[in-house]
Amino acid sequence: NAYDLHAWGDNQFVVRATGGFWFITKVDGTGYPIEGMMLPAGSSHWVPIGSTAAQLSQEQSDPVQELEAENTSLKQRIDELESRLLALEALMQSRGGDQE
């Protein structure tokens, strides 16, 4: 890469790994990684390697699923508020028609 990389402060460890980053903490008899963490290319979400996946999946929820659930809840609330607004507008029109 033609761009310099540097630390912005004291005691920092700065790495550029645009293809992803792996911390391997255990390998099997053939050298295949079986424990650790991986940061996939273009991501800011660590992915466990090996048995830590089950443990972390219970501790950390999936941010995409959280956002989908939040969006569903917000959509339901918007639909409810739009319905109430239409009812209010109808009520105001009927009262305006009574006064004419």
PDB file of N, CA and C in Angstrom:
ATOM      1  N   ASN A   1       0.850  -1.174   0.000  1.00  0.00           N
ATOM      2  CA  ASN A   1       0.000   0.000   0.000  1.00  0.00           C
ATOM      3  C   ASN A   1       0.897   1.239   0.000  1.00  0.00           C
ATOM      4  N   ALA A   2       0.519   2.231  -0.741  1.00  0.00           N
ATOM      5  CA  ALA A   2       1.330   3.442  -0.864  1.00  0.00           C
ATOM      6  C   ALA A   2       1.129   4.421   0.302  1.00  0.00           C
ATOM      7  N   TYR A   3       0.190   4.138   1.179  1.00  0.00           N
ATOM      8  CA  TYR A   3      -0.111   5.062   2.271  1.00  0.00           C
ATOM      9  C   TYR A   3       0.603   4.653   3.545  1.00  0.00           C
ATOM     10  N   ASP A   4       1.218   5.628   4.205  1.00  0.00           N
ATOM     11  CA  ASP A   4       1.885   5.362   5.477  1.00  0.00           C
ATOM     12  C   ASP A   4       0.856   5.088   6.556  1.00  0.00           C
ATOM     13  N   LEU A   5       1.248   4.287   7.515  1.00  0.00           N
ATOM     14  CA  LEU A   5       0.412   3.977   8.666  1.00  0.00           C
ATOM     15  C   LEU A   5       1.219   4.304   9.909  1.00  0.00           C
ATOM     16  N   HIS A   6       0.594   4.963  10.869  1.00  0.00           N
ATOM     17  CA  HIS A   6       1.317   5.351  12.080  1.00  0.00           C
ATOM     18  C   HIS A   6       0.378   5.342  13.272  1.00  0.00           C
ATOM     19  N   ALA A   7       0.936   5.283  14.446  1.00  0.00           N
ATOM     20  CA  ALA A   7       0.158   5.391  15.683  1.00  0.00           C
ATOM     21  C   ALA A   7      -0.157   6.858  15.936  1.00  0.00           C
ATOM     22  N   TRP A   8      -1.284   7.122  16.547  1.00  0.00           N
ATOM     23  CA  TRP A   8      -1.694   8.493  16.842  1.00  0.00           C
ATOM     24  C   TRP A   8      -1.359   8.910  18.265  1.00  0.00           C
ATOM     25  N   GLY A   9      -0.892   7.986  19.068  1.00  0.00           N
ATOM     26  CA  GLY A   9      -0.554   8.304  20.444  1.00  0.00           C
ATOM     27  C   GLY A   9       0.462   7.312  20.994  1.00  0.00           C
ATOM     28  N   ASP A  10       0.892   7.550  22.206  1.00  0.00           N
ATOM     29  CA  ASP A  10       1.851   6.675  22.851  1.00  0.00           C
ATOM     30  C   ASP A  10       1.228   5.317  23.169  1.00  0.00           C
ATOM     31  N   ASN A  11       2.059   4.295  23.165  1.00  0.00           N
ATOM     32  CA  ASN A  11       1.679   2.943  23.582  1.00  0.00           C
ATOM     33  C   ASN A  11       0.506   2.375  22.779  1.00  0.00           C
ATOM     34  N   GLN A  12       0.449   2.646  21.494  1.00  0.00           N
ATOM     35  CA  GLN A  12      -0.593   2.108  20.635  1.00  0.00           C
ATOM     36  C   GLN A  12      -0.014   1.042  19.712  1.00  0.00           C
ATOM     37  N   PHE A  13      -0.845   0.076  19.389  1.00  0.00           N
ATOM     38  CA  PHE A  13      -0.507  -0.968  18.434  1.00  0.00           C
ATOM     39  C   PHE A  13      -1.447  -0.780  17.249  1.00  0.00           C
ATOM     40  N   VAL A  14      -0.943  -0.377  16.114  1.00  0.00           N
ATOM     41  CA  VAL A  14      -1.757  -0.077  14.944  1.00  0.00           C
ATOM     42  C   VAL A  14      -1.366  -1.038  13.819  1.00  0.00           C
ATOM     43  N   VAL A  15      -2.370  -1.685  13.234  1.00  0.00           N
ATOM     44  CA  VAL A  15      -2.132  -2.653  12.169  1.00  0.00           C
ATOM     45  C   VAL A  15      -3.118  -2.379  11.035  1.00  0.00           C
ATOM     46  N   ARG A  16      -2.625  -2.436   9.811  1.00  0.00           N
ATOM     47  CA  ARG A  16      -3.526  -2.368   8.661  1.00  0.00           C
ATOM     48  C   ARG A  16      -3.575  -3.768   8.069  1.00  0.00           C
ATOM     49  N   ALA A  17      -4.766  -4.336   8.045  1.00  0.00           N
ATOM     50  CA  ALA A  17      -4.962  -5.675   7.475  1.00  0.00           C
ATOM     51  C   ALA A  17      -6.295  -5.661   6.740  1.00  0.00           C
ATOM     52  N   THR A  18      -6.325  -5.077   5.557  1.00  0.00           N
ATOM     53  CA  THR A  18      -7.586  -4.883   4.841  1.00  0.00           C
ATOM     54  C   THR A  18      -8.209  -6.188   4.363  1.00  0.00           C
ATOM     55  N   GLY A  19      -7.480  -7.277   4.453  1.00  0.00           N
ATOM     56  CA  GLY A  19      -8.029  -8.587   4.103  1.00  0.00           C
ATOM     57  C   GLY A  19      -8.620  -9.322   5.295  1.00  0.00           C
ATOM     58  N   GLY A  20      -8.611  -8.685   6.459  1.00  0.00           N
ATOM     59  CA  GLY A  20      -9.128  -9.310   7.670  1.00  0.00           C
ATOM     60  C   GLY A  20      -8.005  -9.527   8.666  1.00  0.00           C
ATOM     61  N   PHE A  21      -8.372  -9.921   9.885  1.00  0.00           N
ATOM     62  CA  PHE A  21      -7.394 -10.078  10.950  1.00  0.00           C
ATOM     63  C   PHE A  21      -7.802 -11.264  11.807  1.00  0.00           C
ATOM     64  N   TRP A  22      -6.850 -12.111  12.158  1.00  0.00           N
ATOM     65  CA  TRP A  22      -7.103 -13.300  12.964  1.00  0.00           C
ATOM     66  C   TRP A  22      -6.216 -13.295  14.205  1.00  0.00           C
ATOM     67  N   PHE A  23      -6.784 -13.637  15.351  1.00  0.00           N
ATOM     68  CA  PHE A  23      -6.029 -13.969  16.557  1.00  0.00           C
ATOM     69  C   PHE A  23      -6.251 -15.458  16.787  1.00  0.00           C
ATOM     70  N   ILE A  24      -5.223 -16.258  16.586  1.00  0.00           N
ATOM     71  CA  ILE A  24      -5.324 -17.705  16.754  1.00  0.00           C
ATOM     72  C   ILE A  24      -4.744 -18.053  18.122  1.00  0.00           C
ATOM     73  N   THR A  25      -5.553 -18.706  18.951  1.00  0.00           N
ATOM     74  CA  THR A  25      -5.088 -19.059  20.293  1.00  0.00           C
ATOM     75  C   THR A  25      -4.867 -20.556  20.468  1.00  0.00           C
ATOM     76  N   LYS A  26      -5.299 -21.360  19.468  1.00  0.00           N
ATOM     77  CA  LYS A  26      -5.090 -22.807  19.559  1.00  0.00           C
ATOM     78  C   LYS A  26      -5.194 -23.401  18.159  1.00  0.00           C
ATOM     79  N   VAL A  27      -4.319 -24.384  17.870  1.00  0.00           N
ATOM     80  CA  VAL A  27      -4.371 -25.102  16.601  1.00  0.00           C
ATOM     81  C   VAL A  27      -4.472 -26.595  16.880  1.00  0.00           C
ATOM     82  N   ASP A  28      -4.958 -27.341  15.886  1.00  0.00           N
ATOM     83  CA  ASP A  28      -5.000 -28.797  16.042  1.00  0.00           C
ATOM     84  C   ASP A  28      -3.655 -29.394  15.647  1.00  0.00           C
ATOM     85  N   GLY A  29      -3.575 -30.691  15.573  1.00  0.00           N
ATOM     86  CA  GLY A  29      -2.317 -31.387  15.275  1.00  0.00           C
ATOM     87  C   GLY A  29      -1.753 -31.091  13.893  1.00  0.00           C
ATOM     88  N   THR A  30      -2.584 -30.589  12.993  1.00  0.00           N
ATOM     89  CA  THR A  30      -2.117 -30.267  11.639  1.00  0.00           C
ATOM     90  C   THR A  30      -1.815 -28.777  11.470  1.00  0.00           C
ATOM     91  N   GLY A  31      -2.029 -27.995  12.534  1.00  0.00           N
ATOM     92  CA  GLY A  31      -1.794 -26.554  12.452  1.00  0.00           C
ATOM     93  C   GLY A  31      -3.025 -25.752  12.070  1.00  0.00           C
ATOM     94  N   TYR A  32      -4.161 -26.442  11.911  1.00  0.00           N
ATOM     95  CA  TYR A  32      -5.416 -25.767  11.566  1.00  0.00           C
ATOM     96  C   TYR A  32      -5.948 -25.000  12.772  1.00  0.00           C
ATOM     97  N   PRO A  33      -6.319 -23.718  12.611  1.00  0.00           N
ATOM     98  CA  PRO A  33      -6.824 -22.941  13.753  1.00  0.00           C
ATOM     99  C   PRO A  33      -8.149 -23.491  14.270  1.00  0.00           C
ATOM    100  N   ILE A  34      -8.214 -23.729  15.582  1.00  0.00           N
ATOM    101  CA  ILE A  34      -9.448 -24.250  16.170  1.00  0.00           C
ATOM    102  C   ILE A  34      -9.993 -23.356  17.284  1.00  0.00           C
ATOM    103  N   GLU A  35      -9.235 -22.369  17.710  1.00  0.00           N
ATOM    104  CA  GLU A  35      -9.714 -21.414  18.718  1.00  0.00           C
ATOM    105  C   GLU A  35      -9.132 -20.043  18.400  1.00  0.00           C
ATOM    106  N   GLY A  36      -9.899 -19.010  18.676  1.00  0.00           N
ATOM    107  CA  GLY A  36      -9.431 -17.645  18.487  1.00  0.00           C
ATOM    108  C   GLY A  36     -10.561 -16.739  18.038  1.00  0.00           C
ATOM    109  N   MET A  37     -10.186 -15.614  17.475  1.00  0.00           N
ATOM    110  CA  MET A  37     -11.159 -14.626  16.995  1.00  0.00           C
ATOM    111  C   MET A  37     -10.703 -14.130  15.629  1.00  0.00           C
ATOM    112  N   MET A  38     -11.683 -13.774  14.788  1.00  0.00           N
ATOM    113  CA  MET A  38     -11.399 -13.264  13.453  1.00  0.00           C
ATOM    114  C   MET A  38     -12.183 -11.974  13.241  1.00  0.00           C
ATOM    115  N   LEU A  39     -11.520 -10.987  12.659  1.00  0.00           N
ATOM    116  CA  LEU A  39     -12.171  -9.753  12.245  1.00  0.00           C
ATOM    117  C   LEU A  39     -12.185  -9.773  10.719  1.00  0.00           C
ATOM    118  N   PRO A  40     -13.330 -10.105  10.098  1.00  0.00           N
ATOM    119  CA  PRO A  40     -13.368 -10.231   8.638  1.00  0.00           C
ATOM    120  C   PRO A  40     -13.063  -8.904   7.933  1.00  0.00           C
ATOM    121  N   ALA A  41     -12.632  -8.998   6.694  1.00  0.00           N
ATOM    122  CA  ALA A  41     -12.326  -7.811   5.880  1.00  0.00           C
ATOM    123  C   ALA A  41     -13.549  -6.899   5.812  1.00  0.00           C
ATOM    124  N   GLY A  42     -13.336  -5.617   6.009  1.00  0.00           N
ATOM    125  CA  GLY A  42     -14.410  -4.633   5.917  1.00  0.00           C
ATOM    126  C   GLY A  42     -15.404  -4.659   7.057  1.00  0.00           C
ATOM    127  N   SER A  43     -15.105  -5.343   8.137  1.00  0.00           N
ATOM    128  CA  SER A  43     -16.036  -5.499   9.250  1.00  0.00           C
ATOM    129  C   SER A  43     -15.481  -4.871  10.520  1.00  0.00           C
ATOM    130  N   SER A  44     -16.359  -4.603  11.461  1.00  0.00           N
ATOM    131  CA  SER A  44     -15.921  -4.168  12.784  1.00  0.00           C
ATOM    132  C   SER A  44     -16.521  -5.080  13.856  1.00  0.00           C
ATOM    133  N   HIS A  45     -16.913  -6.287  13.440  1.00  0.00           N
ATOM    134  CA  HIS A  45     -17.532  -7.251  14.347  1.00  0.00           C
ATOM    135  C   HIS A  45     -16.683  -8.519  14.405  1.00  0.00           C
ATOM    136  N   TRP A  46     -16.157  -8.841  15.584  1.00  0.00           N
ATOM    137  CA  TRP A  46     -15.322 -10.028  15.758  1.00  0.00           C
ATOM    138  C   TRP A  46     -16.157 -11.289  15.619  1.00  0.00           C
ATOM    139  N   VAL A  47     -15.595 -12.289  14.987  1.00  0.00           N
ATOM    140  CA  VAL A  47     -16.234 -13.584  14.792  1.00  0.00           C
ATOM    141  C   VAL A  47     -15.389 -14.639  15.498  1.00  0.00           C
ATOM    142  N   PRO A  48     -15.996 -15.410  16.397  1.00  0.00           N
ATOM    143  CA  PRO A  48     -15.218 -16.425  17.107  1.00  0.00           C
ATOM    144  C   PRO A  48     -14.856 -17.597  16.208  1.00  0.00           C
ATOM    145  N   ILE A  49     -13.714 -18.197  16.488  1.00  0.00           N
ATOM    146  CA  ILE A  49     -13.246 -19.405  15.807  1.00  0.00           C
ATOM    147  C   ILE A  49     -13.296 -20.519  16.836  1.00  0.00           C
ATOM    148  N   GLY A  50     -13.950 -21.616  16.538  1.00  0.00           N
ATOM    149  CA  GLY A  50     -13.960 -22.768  17.433  1.00  0.00           C
ATOM    150  C   GLY A  50     -15.071 -22.718  18.451  1.00  0.00           C
ATOM    151  N   SER A  51     -14.838 -23.346  19.615  1.00  0.00           N
ATOM    152  CA  SER A  51     -15.882 -23.523  20.619  1.00  0.00           C
ATOM    153  C   SER A  51     -16.311 -22.222  21.265  1.00  0.00           C
ATOM    154  N   THR A  52     -15.503 -21.171  21.145  1.00  0.00           N
ATOM    155  CA  THR A  52     -15.908 -19.891  21.728  1.00  0.00           C
ATOM    156  C   THR A  52     -17.151 -19.340  21.051  1.00  0.00           C
ATOM    157  N   ALA A  53     -17.495 -19.855  19.854  1.00  0.00           N
ATOM    158  CA  ALA A  53     -18.682 -19.380  19.128  1.00  0.00           C
ATOM    159  C   ALA A  53     -19.944 -19.597  19.948  1.00  0.00           C
ATOM    160  N   ALA A  54     -20.095 -20.779  20.536  1.00  0.00           N
ATOM    161  CA  ALA A  54     -21.293 -21.068  21.310  1.00  0.00           C
ATOM    162  C   ALA A  54     -21.361 -20.181  22.542  1.00  0.00           C
ATOM    163  N   GLN A  55     -20.235 -20.003  23.208  1.00  0.00           N
ATOM    164  CA  GLN A  55     -20.206 -19.182  24.409  1.00  0.00           C
ATOM    165  C   GLN A  55     -20.520 -17.725  24.073  1.00  0.00           C
ATOM    166  N   LEU A  56     -19.907 -17.187  23.023  1.00  0.00           N
ATOM    167  CA  LEU A  56     -20.134 -15.793  22.670  1.00  0.00           C
ATOM    168  C   LEU A  56     -21.530 -15.560  22.127  1.00  0.00           C
ATOM    169  N   SER A  57     -22.109 -16.530  21.427  1.00  0.00           N
ATOM    170  CA  SER A  57     -23.433 -16.326  20.863  1.00  0.00           C
ATOM    171  C   SER A  57     -24.467 -16.142  21.959  1.00  0.00           C
ATOM    172  N   GLN A  58     -24.229 -16.723  23.127  1.00  0.00           N
ATOM    173  CA  GLN A  58     -25.139 -16.525  24.250  1.00  0.00           C
ATOM    174  C   GLN A  58     -24.907 -15.167  24.908  1.00  0.00           C
ATOM    175  N   GLU A  59     -23.673 -14.679  24.889  1.00  0.00           N
ATOM    176  CA  GLU A  59     -23.340 -13.428  25.550  1.00  0.00           C
ATOM    177  C   GLU A  59     -23.619 -12.221  24.659  1.00  0.00           C
ATOM    178  N   GLN A  60     -23.399 -12.356  23.347  1.00  0.00           N
ATOM    179  CA  GLN A  60     -23.576 -11.259  22.412  1.00  0.00           C
ATOM    180  C   GLN A  60     -24.688 -11.604  21.449  1.00  0.00           C
ATOM    181  N   SER A  61     -25.642 -10.709  21.295  1.00  0.00           N
ATOM    182  CA  SER A  61     -26.676 -10.943  20.313  1.00  0.00           C
ATOM    183  C   SER A  61     -26.216 -10.409  18.961  1.00  0.00           C
ATOM    184  N   ASP A  62     -26.857 -10.869  17.929  1.00  0.00           N
ATOM    185  CA  ASP A  62     -26.527 -10.464  16.571  1.00  0.00           C
ATOM    186  C   ASP A  62     -27.047  -9.043  16.340  1.00  0.00           C
ATOM    187  N   PRO A  63     -26.165  -8.078  16.022  1.00  0.00           N
ATOM    188  CA  PRO A  63     -26.617  -6.705  15.838  1.00  0.00           C
ATOM    189  C   PRO A  63     -27.614  -6.546  14.697  1.00  0.00           C
ATOM    190  N   VAL A  64     -27.513  -7.362  13.657  1.00  0.00           N
ATOM    191  CA  VAL A  64     -28.468  -7.273  12.547  1.00  0.00           C
ATOM    192  C   VAL A  64     -29.851  -7.696  13.017  1.00  0.00           C
ATOM    193  N   GLN A  65     -29.912  -8.782  13.794  1.00  0.00           N
ATOM    194  CA  GLN A  65     -31.202  -9.229  14.317  1.00  0.00           C
ATOM    195  C   GLN A  65     -31.790  -8.191  15.268  1.00  0.00           C
ATOM    196  N   GLU A  66     -30.952  -7.563  16.076  1.00  0.00           N
ATOM    197  CA  GLU A  66     -31.427  -6.511  16.975  1.00  0.00           C
ATOM    198  C   GLU A  66     -32.034  -5.361  16.189  1.00  0.00           C
ATOM    199  N   LEU A  67     -31.356  -4.930  15.126  1.00  0.00           N
ATOM    200  CA  LEU A  67     -31.868  -3.825  14.311  1.00  0.00           C
ATOM    201  C   LEU A  67     -33.150  -4.214  13.586  1.00  0.00           C
ATOM    202  N   GLU A  68     -33.229  -5.446  13.089  1.00  0.00           N
ATOM    203  CA  GLU A  68     -34.453  -5.896  12.424  1.00  0.00           C
ATOM    204  C   GLU A  68     -35.629  -5.892  13.393  1.00  0.00           C
ATOM    205  N   ALA A  69     -35.400  -6.368  14.616  1.00  0.00           N
ATOM    206  CA  ALA A  69     -36.461  -6.377  15.623  1.00  0.00           C
ATOM    207  C   ALA A  69     -36.878  -4.948  15.984  1.00  0.00           C
ATOM    208  N   GLU A  70     -35.894  -4.071  16.126  1.00  0.00           N
ATOM    209  CA  GLU A  70     -36.192  -2.673  16.435  1.00  0.00           C
ATOM    210  C   GLU A  70     -36.971  -2.022  15.292  1.00  0.00           C
ATOM    211  N   ASN A  71     -36.570  -2.300  14.050  1.00  0.00           N
ATOM    212  CA  ASN A  71     -37.277  -1.740  12.897  1.00  0.00           C
ATOM    213  C   ASN A  71     -38.714  -2.240  12.817  1.00  0.00           C
ATOM    214  N   THR A  72     -38.925  -3.521  13.113  1.00  0.00           N
ATOM    215  CA  THR A  72     -40.280  -4.076  13.120  1.00  0.00           C
ATOM    216  C   THR A  72     -41.133  -3.376  14.162  1.00  0.00           C
ATOM    217  N   SER A  73     -40.571  -3.189  15.344  1.00  0.00           N
ATOM    218  CA  SER A  73     -41.289  -2.500  16.419  1.00  0.00           C
ATOM    219  C   SER A  73     -41.607  -1.058  16.040  1.00  0.00           C
ATOM    220  N   LEU A  74     -40.641  -0.374  15.449  1.00  0.00           N
ATOM    221  CA  LEU A  74     -40.870   1.019  15.032  1.00  0.00           C
ATOM    222  C   LEU A  74     -41.918   1.105  13.925  1.00  0.00           C
ATOM    223  N   LYS A  75     -41.902   0.164  12.987  1.00  0.00           N
ATOM    224  CA  LYS A  75     -42.896   0.150  11.914  1.00  0.00           C
ATOM    225  C   LYS A  75     -44.289  -0.026  12.486  1.00  0.00           C
ATOM    226  N   GLN A  76     -44.440  -0.926  13.461  1.00  0.00           N
ATOM    227  CA  GLN A  76     -45.740  -1.120  14.105  1.00  0.00           C
ATOM    228  C   GLN A  76     -46.197   0.154  14.806  1.00  0.00           C
ATOM    229  N   ARG A  77     -45.273   0.829  15.468  1.00  0.00           N
ATOM    230  CA  ARG A  77     -45.613   2.078  16.172  1.00  0.00           C
ATOM    231  C   ARG A  77     -46.010   3.168  15.177  1.00  0.00           C
ATOM    232  N   ILE A  78     -45.287   3.247  14.047  1.00  0.00           N
ATOM    233  CA  ILE A  78     -45.623   4.240  13.016  1.00  0.00           C
ATOM    234  C   ILE A  78     -47.015   3.964  12.453  1.00  0.00           C
ATOM    235  N   ASP A  79     -47.309   2.701  12.164  1.00  0.00           N
ATOM    236  CA  ASP A  79     -48.637   2.334  11.655  1.00  0.00           C
ATOM    237  C   ASP A  79     -49.730   2.731  12.647  1.00  0.00           C
ATOM    238  N   GLU A  80     -49.477   2.484  13.921  1.00  0.00           N
ATOM    239  CA  GLU A  80     -50.445   2.846  14.964  1.00  0.00           C
ATOM    240  C   GLU A  80     -50.654   4.358  15.019  1.00  0.00           C
ATOM    241  N   LEU A  81     -49.557   5.110  14.970  1.00  0.00           N
ATOM    242  CA  LEU A  81     -49.666   6.571  15.030  1.00  0.00           C
ATOM    243  C   LEU A  81     -50.347   7.140  13.786  1.00  0.00           C
ATOM    244  N   GLU A  82     -50.066   6.568  12.610  1.00  0.00           N
ATOM    245  CA  GLU A  82     -50.730   7.021  11.387  1.00  0.00           C
ATOM    246  C   GLU A  82     -52.228   6.768  11.464  1.00  0.00           C
ATOM    247  N   SER A  83     -52.610   5.639  12.018  1.00  0.00           N
ATOM    248  CA  SER A  83     -54.026   5.316  12.184  1.00  0.00           C
ATOM    249  C   SER A  83     -54.702   6.312  13.130  1.00  0.00           C
ATOM    250  N   ARG A  84     -54.033   6.627  14.223  1.00  0.00           N
ATOM    251  CA  ARG A  84     -54.584   7.608  15.171  1.00  0.00           C
ATOM    252  C   ARG A  84     -54.682   8.993  14.546  1.00  0.00           C
ATOM    253  N   LEU A  85     -53.687   9.354  13.728  1.00  0.00           N
ATOM    254  CA  LEU A  85     -53.709  10.647  13.059  1.00  0.00           C
ATOM    255  C   LEU A  85     -54.877  10.732  12.083  1.00  0.00           C
ATOM    256  N   LEU A  86     -55.115   9.677  11.323  1.00  0.00           N
ATOM    257  CA  LEU A  86     -56.254   9.657  10.401  1.00  0.00           C
ATOM    258  C   LEU A  86     -57.570   9.788  11.150  1.00  0.00           C
ATOM    259  N   ALA A  87     -57.697   9.105  12.289  1.00  0.00           N
ATOM    260  CA  ALA A  87     -58.913   9.199  13.097  1.00  0.00           C
ATOM    261  C   ALA A  87     -59.099  10.614  13.625  1.00  0.00           C
ATOM    262  N   LEU A  88     -58.016  11.242  14.046  1.00  0.00           N
ATOM    263  CA  LEU A  88     -58.084  12.611  14.550  1.00  0.00           C
ATOM    264  C   LEU A  88     -58.485  13.577  13.437  1.00  0.00           C
ATOM    265  N   GLU A  89     -57.903  13.396  12.247  1.00  0.00           N
ATOM    266  CA  GLU A  89     -58.257  14.258  11.115  1.00  0.00           C
ATOM    267  C   GLU A  89     -59.725  14.092  10.743  1.00  0.00           C
ATOM    268  N   ALA A  90     -60.219  12.860  10.764  1.00  0.00           N
ATOM    269  CA  ALA A  90     -61.631  12.614  10.465  1.00  0.00           C
ATOM    270  C   ALA A  90     -62.517  13.279  11.505  1.00  0.00           C
ATOM    271  N   LEU A  91     -62.129  13.197  12.766  1.00  0.00           N
ATOM    272  CA  LEU A  91     -62.893  13.826  13.834  1.00  0.00           C
ATOM    273  C   LEU A  91     -62.922  15.336  13.666  1.00  0.00           C
ATOM    274  N   MET A  92     -61.790  15.924  13.337  1.00  0.00           N
ATOM    275  CA  MET A  92     -61.711  17.376  13.149  1.00  0.00           C
ATOM    276  C   MET A  92     -62.552  17.805  11.952  1.00  0.00           C
ATOM    277  N   GLN A  93     -62.542  17.023  10.877  1.00  0.00           N
ATOM    278  CA  GLN A  93     -63.372  17.349   9.718  1.00  0.00           C
ATOM    279  C   GLN A  93     -64.846  17.260  10.046  1.00  0.00           C
ATOM    280  N   SER A  94     -65.231  16.247  10.825  1.00  0.00           N
ATOM    281  CA  SER A  94     -66.645  16.102  11.170  1.00  0.00           C
ATOM    282  C   SER A  94     -67.107  17.232  12.082  1.00  0.00           C
ATOM    283  N   ARG A  95     -66.267  17.678  12.969  1.00  0.00           N
ATOM    284  CA  ARG A  95     -66.616  18.808  13.841  1.00  0.00           C
ATOM    285  C   ARG A  95     -66.657  20.107  13.050  1.00  0.00           C
ATOM    286  N   GLY A  96     -65.751  20.253  12.088  1.00  0.00           N
ATOM    287  CA  GLY A  96     -65.762  21.442  11.236  1.00  0.00           C
ATOM    288  C   GLY A  96     -67.006  21.485  10.379  1.00  0.00           C
ATOM    289  N   GLY A  97     -67.445  20.321   9.912  1.00  0.00           N
ATOM    290  CA  GLY A  97     -68.669  20.233   9.089  1.00  0.00           C
ATOM    291  C   GLY A  97     -69.907  20.550   9.904  1.00  0.00           C
ATOM    292  N   ASP A  98     -69.894  20.226  11.228  1.00  0.00           N
ATOM    293  CA  ASP A  98     -71.034  20.502  12.105  1.00  0.00           C
ATOM    294  C   ASP A  98     -71.174  21.997  12.330  1.00  0.00           C
ATOM    295  N   GLN A  99     -70.055  22.731  12.342  1.00  0.00           N
ATOM    296  CA  GLN A  99     -70.099  24.156  12.655  1.00  0.00           C
ATOM    297  C   GLN A  99     -70.480  24.991  11.447  1.00  0.00           C
ATOM    298  N   GLU A 100     -70.410  24.445  10.232  1.00  0.00           N
ATOM    299  CA  GLU A 100     -70.725  25.239   9.055  1.00  0.00           C
ATOM    300  C   GLU A 100     -72.186  25.425   8.858  1.00  0.00           C
TER     301      GLU A 100
END
